[in-house]
């Protein structure tokens, strides 16, 4: 017997903070709930990353300044993701590594 999963209302839990093209990739910065910042880089393949920033000991929500700082850090993660993807596609940036492991003959 399979258990039915109820869908949950996510209205208001996800906030789009920024959309910006970078080196031919569309980057999206989202805030999920109060403390998670997610970046999505859309180009084939799609990349996703996230950072969680917890409020101080008092448990108060992040201030506008803290949200801006967290968003900047997460957006830097998106930029790094794109830069790594671009570098991995460029044969000039690939290291010339030769294996020293002998091949196994059957």
N, C-alpha and C. Protein backbone atom coordinates (compact mmCIF):
# COMPACT_ATOMS: atom_id res chain seq x y z
N UNK A 1 0.84 -1.18 0.00
CA UNK A 1 0.00 0.00 0.00
C UNK A 1 0.89 1.25 0.00
N UNK A 2 0.59 2.16 -0.89
CA UNK A 2 1.36 3.40 -0.96
C UNK A 2 0.66 4.49 -0.15
N UNK A 3 1.48 5.28 0.48
CA UNK A 3 0.95 6.39 1.28
C UNK A 3 0.80 7.61 0.40
N UNK A 4 -0.34 8.24 0.46
CA UNK A 4 -0.56 9.46 -0.30
C UNK A 4 0.15 10.62 0.38
N UNK A 5 0.82 11.40 -0.43
CA UNK A 5 1.53 12.57 0.08
C UNK A 5 0.68 13.80 -0.20
N UNK A 6 0.45 14.58 0.83
CA UNK A 6 -0.32 15.81 0.67
C UNK A 6 0.60 16.91 0.16
N UNK A 7 0.11 17.68 -0.77
CA UNK A 7 0.89 18.82 -1.23
C UNK A 7 0.79 19.94 -0.19
N UNK A 8 1.84 20.72 -0.11
CA UNK A 8 1.86 21.82 0.84
C UNK A 8 1.86 23.14 0.08
N UNK A 9 1.26 24.12 0.68
CA UNK A 9 1.23 25.45 0.09
C UNK A 9 2.58 26.12 0.33
N UNK A 10 3.26 26.48 -0.75
CA UNK A 10 4.56 27.15 -0.62
C UNK A 10 4.45 28.64 -0.93
N UNK A 11 3.24 29.13 -1.08
CA UNK A 11 3.04 30.54 -1.37
C UNK A 11 3.66 31.39 -0.27
N UNK A 12 4.52 32.29 -0.65
CA UNK A 12 5.16 33.18 0.30
C UNK A 12 6.42 32.61 0.93
N UNK A 13 6.75 31.35 0.66
CA UNK A 13 7.95 30.75 1.24
C UNK A 13 9.17 30.91 0.35
N UNK A 14 8.93 31.14 -0.94
CA UNK A 14 10.04 31.30 -1.89
C UNK A 14 9.97 32.70 -2.48
N UNK A 15 11.08 33.42 -2.38
CA UNK A 15 11.14 34.79 -2.87
C UNK A 15 12.28 34.90 -3.89
N UNK A 16 11.96 35.39 -5.06
CA UNK A 16 12.97 35.62 -6.09
C UNK A 16 13.67 36.94 -5.77
N UNK A 17 14.98 36.87 -5.52
CA UNK A 17 15.73 38.07 -5.15
C UNK A 17 16.41 38.73 -6.34
N UNK A 18 16.91 37.91 -7.28
CA UNK A 18 17.69 38.48 -8.37
C UNK A 18 17.72 37.51 -9.55
N UNK A 19 17.66 38.05 -10.74
CA UNK A 19 17.86 37.29 -11.98
C UNK A 19 18.87 38.09 -12.80
N UNK A 20 19.93 37.39 -13.25
CA UNK A 20 20.96 38.12 -13.97
C UNK A 20 21.70 37.19 -14.91
N UNK A 21 21.89 37.61 -16.16
CA UNK A 21 22.72 36.79 -17.05
C UNK A 21 24.20 36.97 -16.70
N UNK A 22 24.96 35.88 -16.83
CA UNK A 22 26.39 35.93 -16.58
C UNK A 22 27.08 34.92 -17.49
N UNK A 23 27.92 35.40 -18.38
CA UNK A 23 28.68 34.56 -19.31
C UNK A 23 27.79 33.56 -20.05
N UNK A 24 26.64 34.04 -20.51
CA UNK A 24 25.74 33.19 -21.29
C UNK A 24 24.87 32.26 -20.46
N UNK A 25 24.93 32.35 -19.16
CA UNK A 25 24.11 31.54 -18.26
C UNK A 25 23.14 32.46 -17.54
N UNK A 26 21.90 32.03 -17.41
CA UNK A 26 20.92 32.80 -16.63
C UNK A 26 21.02 32.35 -15.18
N UNK A 27 21.26 33.27 -14.27
CA UNK A 27 21.40 32.93 -12.86
C UNK A 27 20.22 33.49 -12.08
N UNK A 28 19.71 32.67 -11.18
CA UNK A 28 18.58 33.04 -10.35
C UNK A 28 19.00 32.92 -8.89
N UNK A 29 18.66 33.92 -8.09
CA UNK A 29 18.91 33.88 -6.66
C UNK A 29 17.57 33.89 -5.95
N UNK A 30 17.33 32.88 -5.14
CA UNK A 30 16.06 32.73 -4.43
C UNK A 30 16.30 32.68 -2.93
N UNK A 31 15.32 33.14 -2.20
CA UNK A 31 15.33 32.98 -0.74
C UNK A 31 14.18 32.04 -0.40
N UNK A 32 14.52 30.97 0.30
CA UNK A 32 13.53 29.97 0.69
C UNK A 32 13.34 30.06 2.20
N UNK A 33 12.10 30.17 2.61
CA UNK A 33 11.77 30.41 4.01
C UNK A 33 12.52 31.64 4.50
N UNK A 34 13.12 31.57 5.64
CA UNK A 34 13.75 32.77 6.20
C UNK A 34 15.27 32.75 6.14
N UNK A 35 15.86 31.55 5.98
CA UNK A 35 17.31 31.48 6.15
C UNK A 35 18.07 30.75 5.05
N UNK A 36 17.39 30.25 4.04
CA UNK A 36 18.08 29.53 2.96
C UNK A 36 18.11 30.37 1.69
N UNK A 37 19.29 30.47 1.11
CA UNK A 37 19.47 31.20 -0.14
C UNK A 37 19.94 30.20 -1.19
N UNK A 38 19.23 30.15 -2.29
CA UNK A 38 19.47 29.15 -3.33
C UNK A 38 19.82 29.86 -4.62
N UNK A 39 20.83 29.31 -5.33
CA UNK A 39 21.10 29.81 -6.67
C UNK A 39 20.87 28.70 -7.67
N UNK A 40 20.36 29.11 -8.80
CA UNK A 40 20.06 28.20 -9.90
C UNK A 40 20.71 28.80 -11.14
N UNK A 41 21.52 28.01 -11.81
CA UNK A 41 22.18 28.45 -13.03
C UNK A 41 21.59 27.63 -14.16
N UNK A 42 20.89 28.29 -15.07
CA UNK A 42 20.19 27.56 -16.11
C UNK A 42 20.92 27.64 -17.44
N UNK A 43 21.44 26.56 -17.81
CA UNK A 43 22.00 26.27 -19.11
C UNK A 43 22.26 24.78 -19.04
N UNK A 44 22.27 24.13 -20.12
CA UNK A 44 22.40 22.67 -20.06
C UNK A 44 23.81 22.30 -19.64
N UNK A 45 24.03 21.57 -18.58
CA UNK A 45 23.05 21.14 -17.58
C UNK A 45 22.72 22.26 -16.59
N UNK A 46 21.68 22.05 -15.82
CA UNK A 46 21.25 23.03 -14.83
C UNK A 46 22.02 22.76 -13.53
N UNK A 47 22.49 23.82 -12.88
CA UNK A 47 23.21 23.70 -11.62
C UNK A 47 22.42 24.39 -10.51
N UNK A 48 22.52 23.82 -9.32
CA UNK A 48 21.79 24.34 -8.17
C UNK A 48 22.71 24.28 -6.96
N UNK A 49 22.70 25.32 -6.16
CA UNK A 49 23.47 25.33 -4.92
C UNK A 49 22.72 26.13 -3.88
N UNK A 50 23.12 26.00 -2.63
CA UNK A 50 22.44 26.76 -1.59
C UNK A 50 23.38 27.04 -0.42
N UNK A 51 23.01 28.03 0.36
CA UNK A 51 23.67 28.38 1.62
C UNK A 51 22.58 28.66 2.64
N UNK A 52 22.85 28.30 3.88
CA UNK A 52 21.91 28.57 4.96
C UNK A 52 22.57 29.55 5.92
N UNK A 53 21.87 30.62 6.22
CA UNK A 53 22.34 31.64 7.16
C UNK A 53 21.37 31.68 8.32
N UNK A 54 21.82 31.29 9.49
CA UNK A 54 20.92 31.27 10.64
C UNK A 54 21.01 32.58 11.39
N UNK A 55 19.88 33.02 11.93
CA UNK A 55 19.90 34.26 12.70
C UNK A 55 20.69 34.08 14.00
N UNK A 56 20.92 35.16 14.68
CA UNK A 56 21.69 35.12 15.92
C UNK A 56 21.00 34.31 17.01
N UNK A 57 21.58 34.34 18.19
CA UNK A 57 21.07 33.57 19.31
C UNK A 57 19.67 33.97 19.73
N UNK A 58 19.30 35.19 19.45
CA UNK A 58 17.98 35.67 19.87
C UNK A 58 16.84 35.10 19.04
N UNK A 59 17.15 34.44 17.92
CA UNK A 59 16.13 33.81 17.10
C UNK A 59 15.32 34.78 16.24
N UNK A 60 15.71 36.04 16.22
CA UNK A 60 15.01 37.01 15.38
C UNK A 60 15.31 36.75 13.92
N UNK A 61 14.40 37.11 13.02
CA UNK A 61 14.67 36.93 11.59
C UNK A 61 15.86 37.78 11.14
N UNK A 62 16.43 37.41 10.02
CA UNK A 62 17.54 38.18 9.47
C UNK A 62 17.09 39.60 9.16
N UNK A 63 17.96 40.55 9.43
CA UNK A 63 17.66 41.95 9.12
C UNK A 63 17.82 42.16 7.61
N UNK A 64 17.36 43.29 7.11
CA UNK A 64 17.50 43.59 5.68
C UNK A 64 18.98 43.61 5.28
N UNK A 65 19.82 44.15 6.14
CA UNK A 65 21.25 44.19 5.86
C UNK A 65 21.83 42.78 5.82
N UNK A 66 21.43 41.91 6.75
CA UNK A 66 21.90 40.53 6.76
C UNK A 66 21.41 39.77 5.52
N UNK A 67 20.18 40.03 5.11
CA UNK A 67 19.65 39.40 3.89
C UNK A 67 20.47 39.84 2.68
N UNK A 68 20.80 41.13 2.62
CA UNK A 68 21.60 41.63 1.50
C UNK A 68 22.98 40.97 1.49
N UNK A 69 23.61 40.84 2.66
CA UNK A 69 24.92 40.21 2.75
C UNK A 69 24.85 38.72 2.39
N UNK A 70 23.84 38.04 2.88
CA UNK A 70 23.67 36.62 2.57
C UNK A 70 23.40 36.43 1.08
N UNK A 71 22.58 37.30 0.51
CA UNK A 71 22.30 37.23 -0.92
C UNK A 71 23.55 37.46 -1.75
N UNK A 72 24.41 38.39 -1.31
CA UNK A 72 25.66 38.64 -2.03
C UNK A 72 26.58 37.43 -1.96
N UNK A 73 26.65 36.79 -0.81
CA UNK A 73 27.48 35.59 -0.67
C UNK A 73 26.94 34.46 -1.53
N UNK A 74 25.63 34.27 -1.55
CA UNK A 74 25.03 33.21 -2.37
C UNK A 74 25.20 33.52 -3.85
N UNK A 75 25.09 34.78 -4.23
CA UNK A 75 25.27 35.13 -5.64
C UNK A 75 26.72 34.90 -6.07
N UNK A 76 27.65 35.12 -5.15
CA UNK A 76 29.05 34.79 -5.44
C UNK A 76 29.20 33.30 -5.70
N UNK A 77 28.42 32.49 -4.99
CA UNK A 77 28.41 31.04 -5.25
C UNK A 77 27.91 30.73 -6.65
N UNK A 78 26.90 31.46 -7.09
CA UNK A 78 26.37 31.26 -8.45
C UNK A 78 27.41 31.63 -9.50
N UNK A 79 28.10 32.75 -9.28
CA UNK A 79 29.14 33.20 -10.21
C UNK A 79 30.27 32.18 -10.28
N UNK A 80 30.66 31.65 -9.12
CA UNK A 80 31.70 30.63 -9.07
C UNK A 80 31.26 29.37 -9.82
N UNK A 81 30.00 29.01 -9.67
CA UNK A 81 29.46 27.85 -10.38
C UNK A 81 29.59 28.04 -11.89
N UNK A 82 29.22 29.22 -12.37
CA UNK A 82 29.32 29.51 -13.81
C UNK A 82 30.78 29.50 -14.24
N UNK A 83 31.65 30.15 -13.49
CA UNK A 83 33.07 30.21 -13.85
C UNK A 83 33.67 28.81 -13.93
N UNK A 84 33.32 27.94 -13.00
CA UNK A 84 33.83 26.56 -13.02
C UNK A 84 33.28 25.82 -14.24
N UNK A 85 32.02 26.02 -14.56
CA UNK A 85 31.43 25.36 -15.72
C UNK A 85 32.09 25.83 -17.01
N UNK A 86 32.32 27.12 -17.13
CA UNK A 86 32.97 27.66 -18.33
C UNK A 86 34.39 27.12 -18.43
N UNK A 87 35.12 27.09 -17.31
CA UNK A 87 36.49 26.58 -17.31
C UNK A 87 36.54 25.11 -17.69
N UNK A 88 35.55 24.34 -17.24
CA UNK A 88 35.52 22.91 -17.56
C UNK A 88 35.22 22.64 -19.02
N UNK A 89 34.62 23.60 -19.71
CA UNK A 89 34.31 23.42 -21.13
C UNK A 89 35.42 23.92 -22.04
N UNK A 90 36.37 24.66 -21.49
CA UNK A 90 37.44 25.24 -22.29
C UNK A 90 38.65 24.32 -22.28
N UNK A 91 39.03 23.75 -23.45
CA UNK A 91 40.17 22.83 -23.46
C UNK A 91 41.48 23.48 -23.04
N UNK A 92 41.58 24.80 -23.18
CA UNK A 92 42.80 25.51 -22.78
C UNK A 92 43.01 25.48 -21.27
N UNK A 93 41.92 25.38 -20.50
CA UNK A 93 42.05 25.40 -19.04
C UNK A 93 42.13 24.01 -18.44
N UNK A 94 41.99 22.98 -19.26
CA UNK A 94 42.05 21.61 -18.76
C UNK A 94 43.50 21.24 -18.45
N UNK A 95 43.74 20.64 -17.30
CA UNK A 95 45.11 20.22 -16.99
C UNK A 95 45.52 19.05 -17.88
N UNK A 96 46.78 19.01 -18.21
CA UNK A 96 47.31 17.92 -19.02
C UNK A 96 47.86 16.87 -18.05
N UNK A 97 46.99 15.97 -17.64
CA UNK A 97 47.35 14.96 -16.64
C UNK A 97 47.47 13.61 -17.33
N UNK A 98 48.58 12.95 -17.09
CA UNK A 98 48.78 11.61 -17.62
C UNK A 98 48.71 10.64 -16.45
N UNK A 99 47.98 9.58 -16.66
CA UNK A 99 47.82 8.59 -15.61
C UNK A 99 49.09 7.78 -15.43
N UNK A 100 49.44 7.54 -14.17
CA UNK A 100 50.57 6.66 -13.87
C UNK A 100 50.10 5.29 -13.43
N UNK A 101 48.79 5.10 -13.45
CA UNK A 101 48.23 3.81 -13.06
C UNK A 101 48.27 2.88 -14.27
N UNK A 102 48.87 1.72 -14.13
CA UNK A 102 48.94 0.81 -15.28
C UNK A 102 47.55 0.28 -15.63
N UNK A 103 47.33 0.06 -16.89
CA UNK A 103 46.06 -0.49 -17.33
C UNK A 103 46.03 -1.99 -17.04
N UNK A 104 44.86 -2.48 -16.75
CA UNK A 104 44.70 -3.90 -16.44
C UNK A 104 44.37 -4.63 -17.73
N UNK A 105 45.13 -5.65 -18.03
CA UNK A 105 44.87 -6.46 -19.23
C UNK A 105 44.07 -7.66 -18.81
N UNK A 106 43.06 -7.98 -19.59
CA UNK A 106 42.22 -9.13 -19.29
C UNK A 106 42.76 -10.38 -19.91
